[in-house]
Amino acid sequence: MTYEKMYDKLEDYQKQLVDNYPKDRKYWIKRCYDEQCVGTIHYQGMAYFWGHAYKHTLRYVTDQERKATHRAWLDAGLELTGESPEHLELMLLYCKESIEQWEKEDSL
């Protein structure tokens, strides 16, 4: 899908955001479009989908780790904004690399 087709699908408030950042236009188009993909297999890992309990981890991991966690929660039938031991277990499984990197940096 082209950026202009993605842009056409955005809500008005999202188009305003994109238009306010012309240097980062492609990023904001992708980011806003991804908000509409939360809860689907088309999610790309850019938009927020999680609840309060996991924000301090998922906010700082890679797009690929967020995408994998999102997909795992969907496949497990978990509510994306929910909180449970299963949520935590899957998130830790798919975000392992970033978490290990943080722990290594903290020990320096």
Protein backbone atom coordinates (compact mmCIF):
# COMPACT_ATOMS: atom_id res chain seq x y z
CA MET A 1 0.00 0.00 0.00
CA THR A 2 1.35 3.43 -0.89
CA TYR A 3 1.79 6.21 1.65
CA GLU A 4 -0.92 8.26 -0.03
CA LYS A 5 -3.42 5.38 0.18
CA MET A 6 -2.53 4.98 3.86
CA TYR A 7 -2.93 8.73 4.36
CA ASP A 8 -6.41 8.63 2.77
CA LYS A 9 -7.51 6.03 5.36
CA LEU A 10 -6.46 8.13 8.37
CA GLU A 11 -8.90 9.92 10.64
CA ASP A 12 -8.94 13.74 10.46
CA TYR A 13 -7.02 14.17 13.72
CA GLN A 14 -4.34 11.78 12.41
CA LYS A 15 -4.05 13.71 9.15
CA GLN A 16 -3.48 16.89 11.17
CA LEU A 17 -0.67 15.18 13.06
CA VAL A 18 0.94 14.01 9.82
CA ASP A 19 0.59 17.44 8.24
CA ASN A 20 2.21 19.13 11.26
CA TYR A 21 5.41 17.09 10.80
CA PRO A 22 6.31 17.38 7.10
CA LYS A 23 9.91 16.22 7.61
CA ASP A 24 8.66 12.99 9.21
CA ARG A 25 5.60 12.56 6.98
CA LYS A 26 6.23 8.91 6.04
CA TYR A 27 6.86 7.91 9.66
CA TRP A 28 3.68 9.57 10.91
CA ILE A 29 1.57 8.11 8.11
CA LYS A 30 2.82 4.62 8.99
CA ARG A 31 2.42 5.26 12.73
CA CYS A 32 -1.14 6.58 12.44
CA TYR A 33 -2.14 3.84 10.02
CA ASP A 34 -0.75 1.26 12.44
CA GLU A 35 -3.10 2.60 15.14
CA GLN A 36 -5.96 1.39 12.96
CA CYS A 37 -4.33 -2.05 12.66
CA VAL A 38 -4.17 -2.74 16.40
CA GLY A 39 -6.03 -5.98 17.07
CA THR A 40 -5.47 -7.32 13.55
CA ILE A 41 -2.79 -9.38 11.84
CA HIS A 42 -1.77 -6.23 9.95
CA TYR A 43 -0.31 -4.54 13.05
CA GLN A 44 3.33 -3.52 12.39
CA GLY A 45 4.62 -2.79 15.89
CA MET A 46 4.54 1.01 15.91
CA ALA A 47 1.29 1.91 17.68
CA TYR A 48 0.49 1.40 21.37
CA PHE A 49 -1.86 -1.50 22.14
CA TRP A 50 -1.09 -2.45 25.76
CA GLY A 51 -2.51 -1.50 29.12
CA HIS A 52 -0.86 0.21 32.05
CA ALA A 53 0.81 -2.90 33.49
CA TYR A 54 3.16 -3.38 30.54
CA LYS A 55 3.75 0.16 29.32
CA HIS A 56 7.21 0.50 30.85
CA THR A 57 8.43 -2.54 28.95
CA LEU A 58 6.57 -2.42 25.64
CA ARG A 59 7.16 1.28 25.13
CA TYR A 60 10.92 0.70 24.84
CA VAL A 61 11.26 -2.58 22.92
CA THR A 62 11.69 -2.91 19.17
CA ASP A 63 8.83 -2.81 16.68
CA GLN A 64 9.50 -6.47 15.92
CA GLU A 65 9.20 -7.41 19.60
CA ARG A 66 5.97 -5.42 19.97
CA LYS A 67 4.56 -7.04 16.83
CA ALA A 68 5.45 -10.53 18.08
CA THR A 69 3.93 -9.85 21.52
CA HIS A 70 0.78 -8.41 19.93
CA ARG A 71 0.41 -11.47 17.69
CA ALA A 72 1.06 -13.89 20.57
CA TRP A 73 -1.59 -12.20 22.74
CA LEU A 74 -4.08 -12.31 19.86
CA ASP A 75 -3.31 -15.97 19.13
CA ALA A 76 -3.75 -16.80 22.83
CA GLY A 77 -7.11 -15.02 22.89
CA LEU A 78 -5.91 -12.48 25.44
CA GLU A 79 -7.35 -8.98 25.73
CA LEU A 80 -4.69 -6.58 24.43
CA THR A 81 -5.13 -4.18 27.33
CA GLY A 82 -5.46 -6.97 29.87
CA GLU A 83 -3.10 -8.11 32.61
CA SER A 84 -2.40 -11.72 33.59
CA PRO A 85 0.46 -14.15 34.18
CA GLU A 86 -0.02 -15.37 30.60
CA HIS A 87 0.33 -11.81 29.24
CA LEU A 88 3.54 -11.38 31.20
CA GLU A 89 4.97 -14.75 30.18
CA LEU A 90 4.40 -14.10 26.45
CA MET A 91 5.72 -10.55 26.64
CA LEU A 92 8.90 -11.69 28.38
CA LEU A 93 9.33 -14.46 25.81
CA TYR A 94 9.15 -12.11 22.82
CA CYS A 95 10.93 -9.12 24.38
CA LYS A 96 13.82 -11.11 25.78
CA GLU A 97 16.58 -9.44 23.72
CA SER A 98 15.69 -5.89 24.78
CA ILE A 99 15.26 -6.89 28.41
CA GLU A 100 18.64 -8.65 28.45
CA GLN A 101 20.22 -5.56 26.90
CA TRP A 102 18.73 -3.33 29.63
CA GLU A 103 19.99 -5.65 32.34
CA LYS A 104 23.48 -5.62 30.80
CA GLU A 105 23.48 -1.80 30.65
CA ASP A 106 22.25 -1.55 34.25
CA SER A 107 25.11 -3.73 35.46
CA LEU A 108 27.77 -1.45 33.95
